[in-house]
Amino acid sequence: MPQLNPSPWFAILITSWLVFATIVLPKILTHTFQNSLSSLSTNPILAEPWNWPWF
């Protein structure tokens, strides 16, 4: 059963992770967002109770 022989599959796994770590990962980590992710206001939201006209 060739599926149980780990030598070719382990080499493919290690090679693919090395390619991912050396090429793809730095490109993802250097990505910057165009919009800042800060909140719009720092004032707390004042919640008011609802007036239910049908109750």
PDB file of N, CA and C in Angstrom:
ATOM      1  N   MET A   1       0.845  -1.179   0.000  1.00  0.00           N
ATOM      2  CA  MET A   1       0.000   0.000   0.000  1.00  0.00           C
ATOM      3  C   MET A   1       0.892   1.244   0.000  1.00  0.00           C
ATOM      4  N   PRO A   2       0.957   1.966  -1.104  1.00  0.00           N
ATOM      5  CA  PRO A   2       1.865   3.116  -1.173  1.00  0.00           C
ATOM      6  C   PRO A   2       1.404   4.308  -0.348  1.00  0.00           C
ATOM      7  N   GLN A   3       0.142   4.359   0.059  1.00  0.00           N
ATOM      8  CA  GLN A   3      -0.343   5.478   0.866  1.00  0.00           C
ATOM      9  C   GLN A   3       0.291   5.489   2.253  1.00  0.00           C
ATOM     10  N   LEU A   4       0.741   4.334   2.718  1.00  0.00           N
ATOM     11  CA  LEU A   4       1.308   4.239   4.055  1.00  0.00           C
ATOM     12  C   LEU A   4       2.798   4.559   4.085  1.00  0.00           C
ATOM     13  N   ASN A   5       3.416   4.739   2.944  1.00  0.00           N
ATOM     14  CA  ASN A   5       4.832   5.092   2.885  1.00  0.00           C
ATOM     15  C   ASN A   5       4.950   6.608   3.066  1.00  0.00           C
ATOM     16  N   PRO A   6       5.479   7.093   4.202  1.00  0.00           N
ATOM     17  CA  PRO A   6       5.484   8.527   4.466  1.00  0.00           C
ATOM     18  C   PRO A   6       6.585   9.317   3.772  1.00  0.00           C
ATOM     19  N   SER A   7       7.549   8.652   3.149  1.00  0.00           N
ATOM     20  CA  SER A   7       8.694   9.415   2.644  1.00  0.00           C
ATOM     21  C   SER A   7       8.345  10.395   1.522  1.00  0.00           C
ATOM     22  N   PRO A   8       7.588  10.046   0.472  1.00  0.00           N
ATOM     23  CA  PRO A   8       7.315  11.092  -0.535  1.00  0.00           C
ATOM     24  C   PRO A   8       6.338  12.148  -0.038  1.00  0.00           C
ATOM     25  N   TRP A   9       5.383  11.760   0.757  1.00  0.00           N
ATOM     26  CA  TRP A   9       4.375  12.716   1.223  1.00  0.00           C
ATOM     27  C   TRP A   9       4.946  13.670   2.256  1.00  0.00           C
ATOM     28  N   PHE A  10       5.868  13.191   3.064  1.00  0.00           N
ATOM     29  CA  PHE A  10       6.502  14.066   4.052  1.00  0.00           C
ATOM     30  C   PHE A  10       7.384  15.102   3.366  1.00  0.00           C
ATOM     31  N   ALA A  11       8.082  14.715   2.317  1.00  0.00           N
ATOM     32  CA  ALA A  11       8.918  15.654   1.579  1.00  0.00           C
ATOM     33  C   ALA A  11       8.059  16.714   0.886  1.00  0.00           C
ATOM     34  N   ILE A  12       6.925  16.318   0.333  1.00  0.00           N
ATOM     35  CA  ILE A  12       6.016  17.277  -0.294  1.00  0.00           C
ATOM     36  C   ILE A  12       5.444  18.227   0.745  1.00  0.00           C
ATOM     37  N   LEU A  13       5.095  17.723   1.909  1.00  0.00           N
ATOM     38  CA  LEU A  13       4.566  18.555   2.984  1.00  0.00           C
ATOM     39  C   LEU A  13       5.595  19.582   3.436  1.00  0.00           C
ATOM     40  N   ILE A  14       6.805  19.154   3.679  1.00  0.00           N
ATOM     41  CA  ILE A  14       7.856  20.066   4.135  1.00  0.00           C
ATOM     42  C   ILE A  14       8.173  21.100   3.058  1.00  0.00           C
ATOM     43  N   THR A  15       8.230  20.681   1.799  1.00  0.00           N
ATOM     44  CA  THR A  15       8.520  21.607   0.699  1.00  0.00           C
ATOM     45  C   THR A  15       7.421  22.650   0.553  1.00  0.00           C
ATOM     46  N   SER A  16       6.175  22.221   0.637  1.00  0.00           N
ATOM     47  CA  SER A  16       5.081  23.180   0.489  1.00  0.00           C
ATOM     48  C   SER A  16       5.052  24.172   1.654  1.00  0.00           C
ATOM     49  N   TRP A  17       5.352  23.732   2.872  1.00  0.00           N
ATOM     50  CA  TRP A  17       5.384  24.655   4.004  1.00  0.00           C
ATOM     51  C   TRP A  17       6.568  25.610   3.916  1.00  0.00           C
ATOM     52  N   LEU A  18       7.684  25.158   3.402  1.00  0.00           N
ATOM     53  CA  LEU A  18       8.829  26.061   3.222  1.00  0.00           C
ATOM     54  C   LEU A  18       8.526  27.122   2.171  1.00  0.00           C
ATOM     55  N   VAL A  19       7.866  26.745   1.100  1.00  0.00           N
ATOM     56  CA  VAL A  19       7.482  27.719   0.079  1.00  0.00           C
ATOM     57  C   VAL A  19       6.495  28.711   0.665  1.00  0.00           C
ATOM     58  N   PHE A  20       5.527  28.218   1.422  1.00  0.00           N
ATOM     59  CA  PHE A  20       4.554  29.100   2.047  1.00  0.00           C
ATOM     60  C   PHE A  20       5.223  30.068   3.016  1.00  0.00           C
ATOM     61  N   ALA A  21       6.146  29.564   3.830  1.00  0.00           N
ATOM     62  CA  ALA A  21       6.775  30.404   4.849  1.00  0.00           C
ATOM     63  C   ALA A  21       7.747  31.411   4.259  1.00  0.00           C
ATOM     64  N   THR A  22       8.375  31.100   3.128  1.00  0.00           N
ATOM     65  CA  THR A  22       9.383  32.005   2.583  1.00  0.00           C
ATOM     66  C   THR A  22       8.840  32.959   1.528  1.00  0.00           C
ATOM     67  N   ILE A  23       7.777  32.589   0.834  1.00  0.00           N
ATOM     68  CA  ILE A  23       7.276  33.441  -0.248  1.00  0.00           C
ATOM     69  C   ILE A  23       5.947  34.082   0.098  1.00  0.00           C
ATOM     70  N   VAL A  24       4.979  33.296   0.473  1.00  0.00           N
ATOM     71  CA  VAL A  24       3.614  33.793   0.646  1.00  0.00           C
ATOM     72  C   VAL A  24       3.452  34.548   1.964  1.00  0.00           C
ATOM     73  N   LEU A  25       3.977  34.032   3.040  1.00  0.00           N
ATOM     74  CA  LEU A  25       3.781  34.618   4.361  1.00  0.00           C
ATOM     75  C   LEU A  25       4.332  36.039   4.483  1.00  0.00           C
ATOM     76  N   PRO A  26       5.527  36.367   4.009  1.00  0.00           N
ATOM     77  CA  PRO A  26       5.987  37.768   4.087  1.00  0.00           C
ATOM     78  C   PRO A  26       5.118  38.729   3.280  1.00  0.00           C
ATOM     79  N   LYS A  27       4.584  38.280   2.153  1.00  0.00           N
ATOM     80  CA  LYS A  27       3.711  39.149   1.374  1.00  0.00           C
ATOM     81  C   LYS A  27       2.418  39.442   2.121  1.00  0.00           C
ATOM     82  N   ILE A  28       1.908  38.463   2.833  1.00  0.00           N
ATOM     83  CA  ILE A  28       0.677  38.661   3.609  1.00  0.00           C
ATOM     84  C   ILE A  28       0.940  39.573   4.799  1.00  0.00           C
ATOM     85  N   LEU A  29       2.075  39.400   5.452  1.00  0.00           N
ATOM     86  CA  LEU A  29       2.373  40.186   6.642  1.00  0.00           C
ATOM     87  C   LEU A  29       2.690  41.646   6.337  1.00  0.00           C
ATOM     88  N   THR A  30       3.145  41.959   5.123  1.00  0.00           N
ATOM     89  CA  THR A  30       3.436  43.346   4.783  1.00  0.00           C
ATOM     90  C   THR A  30       2.227  44.078   4.231  1.00  0.00           C
ATOM     91  N   HIS A  31       1.099  43.415   4.139  1.00  0.00           N
ATOM     92  CA  HIS A  31      -0.118  44.057   3.634  1.00  0.00           C
ATOM     93  C   HIS A  31      -0.601  45.103   4.635  1.00  0.00           C
ATOM     94  N   THR A  32      -0.925  46.286   4.139  1.00  0.00           N
ATOM     95  CA  THR A  32      -1.451  47.345   4.997  1.00  0.00           C
ATOM     96  C   THR A  32      -2.861  47.696   4.559  1.00  0.00           C
ATOM     97  N   PHE A  33      -3.682  48.043   5.505  1.00  0.00           N
ATOM     98  CA  PHE A  33      -5.055  48.428   5.218  1.00  0.00           C
ATOM     99  C   PHE A  33      -5.098  49.905   4.851  1.00  0.00           C
ATOM    100  N   GLN A  34      -5.969  50.254   3.917  1.00  0.00           N
ATOM    101  CA  GLN A  34      -6.083  51.643   3.510  1.00  0.00           C
ATOM    102  C   GLN A  34      -6.884  52.449   4.517  1.00  0.00           C
ATOM    103  N   ASN A  35      -7.804  51.829   5.198  1.00  0.00           N
ATOM    104  CA  ASN A  35      -8.620  52.526   6.191  1.00  0.00           C
ATOM    105  C   ASN A  35      -8.080  52.211   7.579  1.00  0.00           C
ATOM    106  N   SER A  36      -8.073  53.209   8.436  1.00  0.00           N
ATOM    107  CA  SER A  36      -7.656  52.951   9.803  1.00  0.00           C
ATOM    108  C   SER A  36      -8.808  52.275  10.549  1.00  0.00           C
ATOM    109  N   LEU A  37      -8.467  51.425  11.464  1.00  0.00           N
ATOM    110  CA  LEU A  37      -9.465  50.647  12.173  1.00  0.00           C
ATOM    111  C   LEU A  37      -9.800  51.246  13.536  1.00  0.00           C
ATOM    112  N   SER A  38      -9.642  52.550  13.692  1.00  0.00           N
ATOM    113  CA  SER A  38      -9.963  53.184  14.957  1.00  0.00           C
ATOM    114  C   SER A  38     -11.466  53.459  15.029  1.00  0.00           C
ATOM    115  N   SER A  39     -11.980  53.588  16.229  1.00  0.00           N
ATOM    116  CA  SER A  39     -13.397  53.859  16.395  1.00  0.00           C
ATOM    117  C   SER A  39     -13.704  55.312  16.016  1.00  0.00           C
ATOM    118  N   LEU A  40     -14.930  55.570  15.626  1.00  0.00           N
ATOM    119  CA  LEU A  40     -15.291  56.901  15.158  1.00  0.00           C
ATOM    120  C   LEU A  40     -15.422  57.906  16.298  1.00  0.00           C
ATOM    121  N   SER A  41     -15.982  57.481  17.399  1.00  0.00           N
ATOM    122  CA  SER A  41     -16.132  58.389  18.526  1.00  0.00           C
ATOM    123  C   SER A  41     -15.808  57.652  19.820  1.00  0.00           C
ATOM    124  N   THR A  42     -15.360  58.411  20.794  1.00  0.00           N
ATOM    125  CA  THR A  42     -15.044  57.803  22.080  1.00  0.00           C
ATOM    126  C   THR A  42     -16.131  58.075  23.110  1.00  0.00           C
ATOM    127  N   ASN A  43     -17.197  58.784  22.716  1.00  0.00           N
ATOM    128  CA  ASN A  43     -18.286  59.059  23.640  1.00  0.00           C
ATOM    129  C   ASN A  43     -19.130  57.800  23.851  1.00  0.00           C
ATOM    130  N   PRO A  44     -19.536  57.538  25.080  1.00  0.00           N
ATOM    131  CA  PRO A  44     -20.383  56.360  25.297  1.00  0.00           C
ATOM    132  C   PRO A  44     -21.774  56.577  24.695  1.00  0.00           C
ATOM    133  N   ILE A  45     -22.355  55.498  24.253  1.00  0.00           N
ATOM    134  CA  ILE A  45     -23.689  55.561  23.660  1.00  0.00           C
ATOM    135  C   ILE A  45     -24.715  55.582  24.785  1.00  0.00           C
ATOM    136  N   LEU A  46     -25.586  56.584  24.769  1.00  0.00           N
ATOM    137  CA  LEU A  46     -26.624  56.694  25.787  1.00  0.00           C
ATOM    138  C   LEU A  46     -27.870  55.965  25.303  1.00  0.00           C
ATOM    139  N   ALA A  47     -28.232  54.928  26.008  1.00  0.00           N
ATOM    140  CA  ALA A  47     -29.402  54.142  25.630  1.00  0.00           C
ATOM    141  C   ALA A  47     -30.630  54.679  26.355  1.00  0.00           C
ATOM    142  N   GLU A  48     -31.700  54.854  25.604  1.00  0.00           N
ATOM    143  CA  GLU A  48     -32.957  55.319  26.191  1.00  0.00           C
ATOM    144  C   GLU A  48     -33.986  54.203  26.086  1.00  0.00           C
ATOM    145  N   PRO A  49     -34.873  54.091  27.061  1.00  0.00           N
ATOM    146  CA  PRO A  49     -35.893  53.037  26.964  1.00  0.00           C
ATOM    147  C   PRO A  49     -36.867  53.349  25.842  1.00  0.00           C
ATOM    148  N   TRP A  50     -37.401  52.303  25.247  1.00  0.00           N
ATOM    149  CA  TRP A  50     -38.340  52.461  24.153  1.00  0.00           C
ATOM    150  C   TRP A  50     -39.723  52.728  24.715  1.00  0.00           C
ATOM    151  N   ASN A  51     -40.473  53.560  24.034  1.00  0.00           N
ATOM    152  CA  ASN A  51     -41.874  53.759  24.354  1.00  0.00           C
ATOM    153  C   ASN A  51     -42.696  52.885  23.433  1.00  0.00           C
ATOM    154  N   TRP A  52     -43.343  51.882  24.025  1.00  0.00           N
ATOM    155  CA  TRP A  52     -44.139  50.965  23.220  1.00  0.00           C
ATOM    156  C   TRP A  52     -45.577  51.502  23.192  1.00  0.00           C
ATOM    157  N   PRO A  53     -46.026  52.078  22.085  1.00  0.00           N
ATOM    158  CA  PRO A  53     -47.363  52.680  22.049  1.00  0.00           C
ATOM    159  C   PRO A  53     -48.488  51.647  22.106  1.00  0.00           C
ATOM    160  N   TRP A  54     -48.228  50.411  21.775  1.00  0.00           N
ATOM    161  CA  TRP A  54     -49.305  49.406  21.766  1.00  0.00           C
ATOM    162  C   TRP A  54     -49.353  48.601  23.045  1.00  0.00           C
ATOM    163  N   PHE A  55     -48.536  48.943  24.002  1.00  0.00           N
ATOM    164  CA  PHE A  55     -48.541  48.174  25.256  1.00  0.00           C
ATOM    165  C   PHE A  55     -49.305  48.936  26.317  1.00  0.00           C
TER     166      PHE A  55
END
